[in-house]
Amino acid sequence: MDAKGIFLSLQLLDILTTISFLSLGIQEMNLVVKWFMENVGTLEGLLLIKLFAFVLFIVAVLFKKDKVIVRANYFYAVLVSWNLFCIYVG
């Protein structure tokens, strides 16, 4: 799987793990995501943030900025790992 496929997979995993830890009563720590979830709606706010990430992904693809996508993958891999840790602890 290439960096683009990994990015899209990590986005899906981020959504699923975030929903999972929220259902356990664990609070969202990212203040921007938390604001959107509180002011737009939990799922709607989360999906809006993911839409923003997807738009940035499309821009990176169009401008052939593969290194940006790879760096984002590292970030989201850590984020998903953190979510899984929170689920485990919670």
PDB file of N, CA and C in Angstrom:
ATOM      1  N   MET A   1       0.853  -1.174   0.000  1.00  0.00           N
ATOM      2  CA  MET A   1       0.000   0.000   0.000  1.00  0.00           C
ATOM      3  C   MET A   1       0.901   1.240   0.000  1.00  0.00           C
ATOM      4  N   ASP A   2       0.548   2.198  -0.811  1.00  0.00           N
ATOM      5  CA  ASP A   2       1.342   3.431  -0.890  1.00  0.00           C
ATOM      6  C   ASP A   2       0.909   4.428   0.180  1.00  0.00           C
ATOM      7  N   ALA A   3       1.601   5.553   0.253  1.00  0.00           N
ATOM      8  CA  ALA A   3       1.345   6.562   1.286  1.00  0.00           C
ATOM      9  C   ALA A   3      -0.087   7.085   1.225  1.00  0.00           C
ATOM     10  N   LYS A   4      -0.653   7.179   0.033  1.00  0.00           N
ATOM     11  CA  LYS A   4      -2.019   7.697  -0.095  1.00  0.00           C
ATOM     12  C   LYS A   4      -3.023   6.721   0.509  1.00  0.00           C
ATOM     13  N   GLY A   5      -2.844   5.456   0.227  1.00  0.00           N
ATOM     14  CA  GLY A   5      -3.727   4.436   0.803  1.00  0.00           C
ATOM     15  C   GLY A   5      -3.590   4.357   2.317  1.00  0.00           C
ATOM     16  N   ILE A   6      -2.356   4.501   2.789  1.00  0.00           N
ATOM     17  CA  ILE A   6      -2.123   4.494   4.234  1.00  0.00           C
ATOM     18  C   ILE A   6      -2.814   5.691   4.873  1.00  0.00           C
ATOM     19  N   PHE A   7      -2.713   6.863   4.240  1.00  0.00           N
ATOM     20  CA  PHE A   7      -3.354   8.060   4.778  1.00  0.00           C
ATOM     21  C   PHE A   7      -4.854   7.850   4.921  1.00  0.00           C
ATOM     22  N   LEU A   8      -5.483   7.358   3.879  1.00  0.00           N
ATOM     23  CA  LEU A   8      -6.934   7.150   3.915  1.00  0.00           C
ATOM     24  C   LEU A   8      -7.315   6.106   4.963  1.00  0.00           C
ATOM     25  N   SER A   9      -6.514   5.050   5.083  1.00  0.00           N
ATOM     26  CA  SER A   9      -6.777   4.021   6.102  1.00  0.00           C
ATOM     27  C   SER A   9      -6.648   4.594   7.504  1.00  0.00           C
ATOM     28  N   LEU A  10      -5.627   5.420   7.718  1.00  0.00           N
ATOM     29  CA  LEU A  10      -5.436   6.029   9.034  1.00  0.00           C
ATOM     30  C   LEU A  10      -6.572   6.987   9.377  1.00  0.00           C
ATOM     31  N   GLN A  11      -7.116   7.663   8.379  1.00  0.00           N
ATOM     32  CA  GLN A  11      -8.251   8.550   8.642  1.00  0.00           C
ATOM     33  C   GLN A  11      -9.455   7.747   9.117  1.00  0.00           C
ATOM     34  N   LEU A  12      -9.702   6.633   8.461  1.00  0.00           N
ATOM     35  CA  LEU A  12     -10.812   5.761   8.868  1.00  0.00           C
ATOM     36  C   LEU A  12     -10.577   5.203  10.278  1.00  0.00           C
ATOM     37  N   LEU A  13      -9.351   4.761  10.537  1.00  0.00           N
ATOM     38  CA  LEU A  13      -9.025   4.248  11.867  1.00  0.00           C
ATOM     39  C   LEU A  13      -9.158   5.332  12.930  1.00  0.00           C
ATOM     40  N   ASP A  14      -8.791   6.562  12.594  1.00  0.00           N
ATOM     41  CA  ASP A  14      -8.931   7.662  13.544  1.00  0.00           C
ATOM     42  C   ASP A  14     -10.400   7.899  13.886  1.00  0.00           C
ATOM     43  N   ILE A  15     -11.250   7.874  12.879  1.00  0.00           N
ATOM     44  CA  ILE A  15     -12.687   8.052  13.116  1.00  0.00           C
ATOM     45  C   ILE A  15     -13.209   6.932  14.016  1.00  0.00           C
ATOM     46  N   LEU A  16     -12.883   5.698  13.671  1.00  0.00           N
ATOM     47  CA  LEU A  16     -13.404   4.552  14.437  1.00  0.00           C
ATOM     48  C   LEU A  16     -12.886   4.533  15.864  1.00  0.00           C
ATOM     49  N   THR A  17     -11.592   4.809  16.048  1.00  0.00           N
ATOM     50  CA  THR A  17     -11.048   4.775  17.402  1.00  0.00           C
ATOM     51  C   THR A  17     -11.544   5.966  18.227  1.00  0.00           C
ATOM     52  N   THR A  18     -11.734   7.110  17.591  1.00  0.00           N
ATOM     53  CA  THR A  18     -12.276   8.261  18.322  1.00  0.00           C
ATOM     54  C   THR A  18     -13.693   7.987  18.785  1.00  0.00           C
ATOM     55  N   ILE A  19     -14.517   7.449  17.910  1.00  0.00           N
ATOM     56  CA  ILE A  19     -15.890   7.103  18.288  1.00  0.00           C
ATOM     57  C   ILE A  19     -15.879   6.068  19.414  1.00  0.00           C
ATOM     58  N   SER A  20     -14.965   5.118  19.334  1.00  0.00           N
ATOM     59  CA  SER A  20     -14.882   4.079  20.364  1.00  0.00           C
ATOM     60  C   SER A  20     -14.527   4.666  21.724  1.00  0.00           C
ATOM     61  N   PHE A  21     -13.506   5.526  21.773  1.00  0.00           N
ATOM     62  CA  PHE A  21     -13.145   6.033  23.096  1.00  0.00           C
ATOM     63  C   PHE A  21     -14.155   7.041  23.619  1.00  0.00           C
ATOM     64  N   LEU A  22     -14.842   7.755  22.728  1.00  0.00           N
ATOM     65  CA  LEU A  22     -15.912   8.639  23.193  1.00  0.00           C
ATOM     66  C   LEU A  22     -17.050   7.838  23.801  1.00  0.00           C
ATOM     67  N   SER A  23     -17.342   6.688  23.215  1.00  0.00           N
ATOM     68  CA  SER A  23     -18.423   5.846  23.753  1.00  0.00           C
ATOM     69  C   SER A  23     -18.071   5.284  25.122  1.00  0.00           C
ATOM     70  N   LEU A  24     -16.772   5.270  25.463  1.00  0.00           N
ATOM     71  CA  LEU A  24     -16.337   4.815  26.783  1.00  0.00           C
ATOM     72  C   LEU A  24     -16.325   5.959  27.798  1.00  0.00           C
ATOM     73  N   GLY A  25     -16.679   7.153  27.340  1.00  0.00           N
ATOM     74  CA  GLY A  25     -16.706   8.304  28.238  1.00  0.00           C
ATOM     75  C   GLY A  25     -15.386   9.053  28.324  1.00  0.00           C
ATOM     76  N   ILE A  26     -14.435   8.705  27.461  1.00  0.00           N
ATOM     77  CA  ILE A  26     -13.140   9.384  27.452  1.00  0.00           C
ATOM     78  C   ILE A  26     -13.287  10.676  26.647  1.00  0.00           C
ATOM     79  N   GLN A  27     -12.753  11.765  27.168  1.00  0.00           N
ATOM     80  CA  GLN A  27     -12.890  13.074  26.541  1.00  0.00           C
ATOM     81  C   GLN A  27     -11.885  13.268  25.405  1.00  0.00           C
ATOM     82  N   GLU A  28     -12.295  13.999  24.384  1.00  0.00           N
ATOM     83  CA  GLU A  28     -11.409  14.401  23.297  1.00  0.00           C
ATOM     84  C   GLU A  28     -10.415  15.422  23.840  1.00  0.00           C
ATOM     85  N   MET A  29      -9.135  15.229  23.542  1.00  0.00           N
ATOM     86  CA  MET A  29      -8.098  16.116  24.058  1.00  0.00           C
ATOM     87  C   MET A  29      -7.732  17.247  23.086  1.00  0.00           C
ATOM     88  N   ASN A  30      -7.926  17.020  21.796  1.00  0.00           N
ATOM     89  CA  ASN A  30      -7.605  18.051  20.811  1.00  0.00           C
ATOM     90  C   ASN A  30      -8.655  19.160  20.919  1.00  0.00           C
ATOM     91  N   LEU A  31      -8.198  20.361  21.259  1.00  0.00           N
ATOM     92  CA  LEU A  31      -9.137  21.455  21.511  1.00  0.00           C
ATOM     93  C   LEU A  31      -9.926  21.860  20.276  1.00  0.00           C
ATOM     94  N   VAL A  32      -9.308  21.796  19.115  1.00  0.00           N
ATOM     95  CA  VAL A  32     -10.015  22.156  17.875  1.00  0.00           C
ATOM     96  C   VAL A  32     -11.104  21.124  17.582  1.00  0.00           C
ATOM     97  N   VAL A  33     -10.745  19.868  17.635  1.00  0.00           N
ATOM     98  CA  VAL A  33     -11.721  18.791  17.394  1.00  0.00           C
ATOM     99  C   VAL A  33     -12.826  18.860  18.443  1.00  0.00           C
ATOM    100  N   LYS A  34     -12.435  19.061  19.693  1.00  0.00           N
ATOM    101  CA  LYS A  34     -13.418  19.152  20.778  1.00  0.00           C
ATOM    102  C   LYS A  34     -14.392  20.300  20.541  1.00  0.00           C
ATOM    103  N   TRP A  35     -13.896  21.454  20.107  1.00  0.00           N
ATOM    104  CA  TRP A  35     -14.766  22.601  19.834  1.00  0.00           C
ATOM    105  C   TRP A  35     -15.780  22.261  18.742  1.00  0.00           C
ATOM    106  N   PHE A  36     -15.299  21.657  17.655  1.00  0.00           N
ATOM    107  CA  PHE A  36     -16.213  21.289  16.565  1.00  0.00           C
ATOM    108  C   PHE A  36     -17.246  20.278  17.040  1.00  0.00           C
ATOM    109  N   MET A  37     -16.822  19.315  17.821  1.00  0.00           N
ATOM    110  CA  MET A  37     -17.746  18.289  18.292  1.00  0.00           C
ATOM    111  C   MET A  37     -18.798  18.881  19.235  1.00  0.00           C
ATOM    112  N   GLU A  38     -18.409  19.853  20.039  1.00  0.00           N
ATOM    113  CA  GLU A  38     -19.353  20.476  20.971  1.00  0.00           C
ATOM    114  C   GLU A  38     -20.293  21.457  20.282  1.00  0.00           C
ATOM    115  N   ASN A  39     -19.821  22.123  19.223  1.00  0.00           N
ATOM    116  CA  ASN A  39     -20.606  23.179  18.587  1.00  0.00           C
ATOM    117  C   ASN A  39     -21.328  22.755  17.311  1.00  0.00           C
ATOM    118  N   VAL A  40     -20.874  21.674  16.702  1.00  0.00           N
ATOM    119  CA  VAL A  40     -21.516  21.203  15.464  1.00  0.00           C
ATOM    120  C   VAL A  40     -22.273  19.909  15.714  1.00  0.00           C
ATOM    121  N   GLY A  41     -21.799  19.142  16.653  1.00  0.00           N
ATOM    122  CA  GLY A  41     -22.347  17.813  16.927  1.00  0.00           C
ATOM    123  C   GLY A  41     -21.186  16.844  16.967  1.00  0.00           C
ATOM    124  N   THR A  42     -21.297  15.831  17.783  1.00  0.00           N
ATOM    125  CA  THR A  42     -20.168  14.924  17.985  1.00  0.00           C
ATOM    126  C   THR A  42     -19.698  14.303  16.679  1.00  0.00           C
ATOM    127  N   LEU A  43     -20.560  13.566  16.026  1.00  0.00           N
ATOM    128  CA  LEU A  43     -20.161  12.903  14.785  1.00  0.00           C
ATOM    129  C   LEU A  43     -19.953  13.910  13.660  1.00  0.00           C
ATOM    130  N   GLU A  44     -20.831  14.886  13.569  1.00  0.00           N
ATOM    131  CA  GLU A  44     -20.717  15.885  12.507  1.00  0.00           C
ATOM    132  C   GLU A  44     -19.421  16.676  12.626  1.00  0.00           C
ATOM    133  N   GLY A  45     -19.067  17.063  13.858  1.00  0.00           N
ATOM    134  CA  GLY A  45     -17.830  17.811  14.076  1.00  0.00           C
ATOM    135  C   GLY A  45     -16.608  16.992  13.726  1.00  0.00           C
ATOM    136  N   LEU A  46     -16.628  15.720  14.118  1.00  0.00           N
ATOM    137  CA  LEU A  46     -15.518  14.831  13.790  1.00  0.00           C
ATOM    138  C   LEU A  46     -15.390  14.663  12.281  1.00  0.00           C
ATOM    139  N   LEU A  47     -16.509  14.465  11.604  1.00  0.00           N
ATOM    140  CA  LEU A  47     -16.476  14.294  10.145  1.00  0.00           C
ATOM    141  C   LEU A  47     -16.069  15.583   9.436  1.00  0.00           C
ATOM    142  N   LEU A  48     -16.421  16.726   9.985  1.00  0.00           N
ATOM    143  CA  LEU A  48     -16.009  17.998   9.400  1.00  0.00           C
ATOM    144  C   LEU A  48     -14.494  18.156   9.474  1.00  0.00           C
ATOM    145  N   ILE A  49     -13.905  17.780  10.596  1.00  0.00           N
ATOM    146  CA  ILE A  49     -12.445  17.815  10.742  1.00  0.00           C
ATOM    147  C   ILE A  49     -11.801  16.856   9.743  1.00  0.00           C
ATOM    148  N   LYS A  50     -12.386  15.681   9.568  1.00  0.00           N
ATOM    149  CA  LYS A  50     -11.855  14.703   8.612  1.00  0.00           C
ATOM    150  C   LYS A  50     -11.982  15.229   7.179  1.00  0.00           C
ATOM    151  N   LEU A  51     -13.065  15.944   6.901  1.00  0.00           N
ATOM    152  CA  LEU A  51     -13.232  16.551   5.575  1.00  0.00           C
ATOM    153  C   LEU A  51     -12.117  17.561   5.312  1.00  0.00           C
ATOM    154  N   PHE A  52     -11.789  18.356   6.317  1.00  0.00           N
ATOM    155  CA  PHE A  52     -10.692  19.313   6.196  1.00  0.00           C
ATOM    156  C   PHE A  52      -9.368  18.590   5.917  1.00  0.00           C
ATOM    157  N   ALA A  53      -9.118  17.498   6.641  1.00  0.00           N
ATOM    158  CA  ALA A  53      -7.907  16.706   6.417  1.00  0.00           C
ATOM    159  C   ALA A  53      -7.895  16.131   5.003  1.00  0.00           C
ATOM    160  N   PHE A  54      -9.051  15.694   4.531  1.00  0.00           N
ATOM    161  CA  PHE A  54      -9.147  15.131   3.185  1.00  0.00           C
ATOM    162  C   PHE A  54      -8.885  16.194   2.122  1.00  0.00           C
ATOM    163  N   VAL A  55      -9.382  17.405   2.329  1.00  0.00           N
ATOM    164  CA  VAL A  55      -9.125  18.499   1.383  1.00  0.00           C
ATOM    165  C   VAL A  55      -7.625  18.785   1.320  1.00  0.00           C
ATOM    166  N   LEU A  56      -6.970  18.831   2.480  1.00  0.00           N
ATOM    167  CA  LEU A  56      -5.518  19.044   2.488  1.00  0.00           C
ATOM    168  C   LEU A  56      -4.791  17.899   1.786  1.00  0.00           C
ATOM    169  N   PHE A  57      -5.294  16.685   1.976  1.00  0.00           N
ATOM    170  CA  PHE A  57      -4.739  15.510   1.292  1.00  0.00           C
ATOM    171  C   PHE A  57      -4.852  15.664  -0.223  1.00  0.00           C
ATOM    172  N   ILE A  58      -6.014  16.084  -0.714  1.00  0.00           N
ATOM    173  CA  ILE A  58      -6.221  16.277  -2.153  1.00  0.00           C
ATOM    174  C   ILE A  58      -5.265  17.340  -2.684  1.00  0.00           C
ATOM    175  N   VAL A  59      -5.101  18.425  -1.949  1.00  0.00           N
ATOM    176  CA  VAL A  59      -4.162  19.480  -2.360  1.00  0.00           C
ATOM    177  C   VAL A  59      -2.741  18.914  -2.453  1.00  0.00           C
ATOM    178  N   ALA A  60      -2.349  18.122  -1.450  1.00  0.00           N
ATOM    179  CA  ALA A  60      -1.014  17.515  -1.468  1.00  0.00           C
ATOM    180  C   ALA A  60      -0.848  16.575  -2.663  1.00  0.00           C
ATOM    181  N   VAL A  61      -1.883  15.820  -2.981  1.00  0.00           N
ATOM    182  CA  VAL A  61      -1.823  14.916  -4.133  1.00  0.00           C
ATOM    183  C   VAL A  61      -1.706  15.722  -5.430  1.00  0.00           C
ATOM    184  N   LEU A  62      -2.524  16.747  -5.569  1.00  0.00           N
ATOM    185  CA  LEU A  62      -2.502  17.551  -6.794  1.00  0.00           C
ATOM    186  C   LEU A  62      -1.162  18.239  -7.020  1.00  0.00           C
ATOM    187  N   PHE A  63      -0.522  18.671  -5.934  1.00  0.00           N
ATOM    188  CA  PHE A  63       0.772  19.346  -6.041  1.00  0.00           C
ATOM    189  C   PHE A  63       1.950  18.392  -5.871  1.00  0.00           C
ATOM    190  N   LYS A  64       1.628  17.076  -5.871  1.00  0.00           N
ATOM    191  CA  LYS A  64       2.643  16.024  -5.792  1.00  0.00           C
ATOM    192  C   LYS A  64       3.579  16.205  -4.597  1.00  0.00           C
ATOM    193  N   LYS A  65       2.990  16.455  -3.458  1.00  0.00           N
ATOM    194  CA  LYS A  65       3.733  16.637  -2.208  1.00  0.00           C
ATOM    195  C   LYS A  65       3.658  15.341  -1.395  1.00  0.00           C
ATOM    196  N   ASP A  66       4.260  14.291  -1.936  1.00  0.00           N
ATOM    197  CA  ASP A  66       4.201  12.983  -1.294  1.00  0.00           C
ATOM    198  C   ASP A  66       4.851  12.986   0.088  1.00  0.00           C
ATOM    199  N   LYS A  67       5.905  13.783   0.270  1.00  0.00           N
ATOM    200  CA  LYS A  67       6.566  13.829   1.583  1.00  0.00           C
ATOM    201  C   LYS A  67       5.630  14.386   2.654  1.00  0.00           C
ATOM    202  N   VAL A  68       4.757  15.308   2.267  1.00  0.00           N
ATOM    203  CA  VAL A  68       3.784  15.854   3.216  1.00  0.00           C
ATOM    204  C   VAL A  68       2.825  14.752   3.658  1.00  0.00           C
ATOM    205  N   ILE A  69       2.404  13.928   2.719  1.00  0.00           N
ATOM    206  CA  ILE A  69       1.490  12.827   3.032  1.00  0.00           C
ATOM    207  C   ILE A  69       2.183  11.819   3.946  1.00  0.00           C
ATOM    208  N   VAL A  70       3.448  11.516   3.667  1.00  0.00           N
ATOM    209  CA  VAL A  70       4.195  10.572   4.506  1.00  0.00           C
ATOM    210  C   VAL A  70       4.328  11.122   5.923  1.00  0.00           C
ATOM    211  N   ARG A  71       4.638  12.406   6.051  1.00  0.00           N
ATOM    212  CA  ARG A  71       4.756  13.013   7.387  1.00  0.00           C
ATOM    213  C   ARG A  71       3.408  13.007   8.110  1.00  0.00           C
ATOM    214  N   ALA A  72       2.352  13.280   7.379  1.00  0.00           N
ATOM    215  CA  ALA A  72       1.014  13.228   7.981  1.00  0.00           C
ATOM    216  C   ALA A  72       0.703  11.806   8.452  1.00  0.00           C
ATOM    217  N   ASN A  73       1.168  10.824   7.697  1.00  0.00           N
ATOM    218  CA  ASN A  73       0.939   9.426   8.090  1.00  0.00           C
ATOM    219  C   ASN A  73       1.600   9.110   9.425  1.00  0.00           C
ATOM    220  N   TYR A  74       2.805   9.623   9.633  1.00  0.00           N
ATOM    221  CA  TYR A  74       3.469   9.415  10.922  1.00  0.00           C
ATOM    222  C   TYR A  74       2.631  10.024  12.047  1.00  0.00           C
ATOM    223  N   PHE A  75       2.160  11.235  11.822  1.00  0.00           N
ATOM    224  CA  PHE A  75       1.340  11.919  12.818  1.00  0.00           C
ATOM    225  C   PHE A  75       0.081  11.119  13.129  1.00  0.00           C
ATOM    226  N   TYR A  76      -0.630  10.692  12.088  1.00  0.00           N
ATOM    227  CA  TYR A  76      -1.883   9.966  12.309  1.00  0.00           C
ATOM    228  C   TYR A  76      -1.651   8.564  12.868  1.00  0.00           C
ATOM    229  N   ALA A  77      -0.515   7.959  12.560  1.00  0.00           N
ATOM    230  CA  ALA A  77      -0.196   6.656  13.158  1.00  0.00           C
ATOM    231  C   ALA A  77      -0.027   6.801  14.669  1.00  0.00           C
ATOM    232  N   VAL A  78       0.652   7.873  15.094  1.00  0.00           N
ATOM    233  CA  VAL A  78       0.801   8.133  16.524  1.00  0.00           C
ATOM    234  C   VAL A  78      -0.563   8.441  17.141  1.00  0.00           C
ATOM    235  N   LEU A  79      -1.364   9.225  16.440  1.00  0.00           N
ATOM    236  CA  LEU A  79      -2.687   9.590  16.938  1.00  0.00           C
ATOM    237  C   LEU A  79      -3.579   8.367  17.120  1.00  0.00           C
ATOM    238  N   VAL A  80      -3.609   7.494  16.147  1.00  0.00           N
ATOM    239  CA  VAL A  80      -4.418   6.273  16.242  1.00  0.00           C
ATOM    240  C   VAL A  80      -3.884   5.380  17.356  1.00  0.00           C
ATOM    241  N   SER A  81      -2.562   5.309  17.488  1.00  0.00           N
ATOM    242  CA  SER A  81      -1.973   4.533  18.583  1.00  0.00           C
ATOM    243  C   SER A  81      -2.399   5.099  19.929  1.00  0.00           C
ATOM    244  N   TRP A  82      -2.401   6.408  20.057  1.00  0.00           N
ATOM    245  CA  TRP A  82      -2.847   7.053  21.291  1.00  0.00           C
ATOM    246  C   TRP A  82      -4.314   6.718  21.567  1.00  0.00           C
ATOM    247  N   ASN A  83      -5.137   6.793  20.524  1.00  0.00           N
ATOM    248  CA  ASN A  83      -6.558   6.451  20.679  1.00  0.00           C
ATOM    249  C   ASN A  83      -6.719   5.019  21.169  1.00  0.00           C
ATOM    250  N   LEU A  84      -5.943   4.097  20.595  1.00  0.00           N
ATOM    251  CA  LEU A  84      -6.021   2.694  21.012  1.00  0.00           C
ATOM    252  C   LEU A  84      -5.565   2.528  22.459  1.00  0.00           C
ATOM    253  N   PHE A  85      -4.535   3.280  22.854  1.00  0.00           N
ATOM    254  CA  PHE A  85      -4.090   3.242  24.244  1.00  0.00           C
ATOM    255  C   PHE A  85      -5.193   3.739  25.179  1.00  0.00           C
ATOM    256  N   CYS A  86      -5.850   4.823  24.787  1.00  0.00           N
ATOM    257  CA  CYS A  86      -6.954   5.370  25.595  1.00  0.00           C
ATOM    258  C   CYS A  86      -8.086   4.358  25.719  1.00  0.00           C
ATOM    259  N   ILE A  87      -8.394   3.674  24.639  1.00  0.00           N
ATOM    260  CA  ILE A  87      -9.435   2.652  24.673  1.00  0.00           C
ATOM    261  C   ILE A  87      -9.020   1.523  25.614  1.00  0.00           C
ATOM    262  N   TYR A  88      -7.772   1.113  25.543  1.00  0.00           N
ATOM    263  CA  TYR A  88      -7.264   0.039  26.399  1.00  0.00           C
ATOM    264  C   TYR A  88      -7.346   0.429  27.875  1.00  0.00           C
ATOM    265  N   VAL A  89      -6.905   1.640  28.175  1.00  0.00           N
ATOM    266  CA  VAL A  89      -6.911   2.112  29.561  1.00  0.00           C
ATOM    267  C   VAL A  89      -8.341   2.347  30.045  1.00  0.00           C
ATOM    268  N   GLY A  90      -9.177   2.888  29.132  1.00  0.00           N
ATOM    269  CA  GLY A  90     -10.556   3.206  29.509  1.00  0.00           C
ATOM    270  C   GLY A  90     -11.385   1.979  29.670  1.00  0.00           C
TER     271      GLY A  90
END
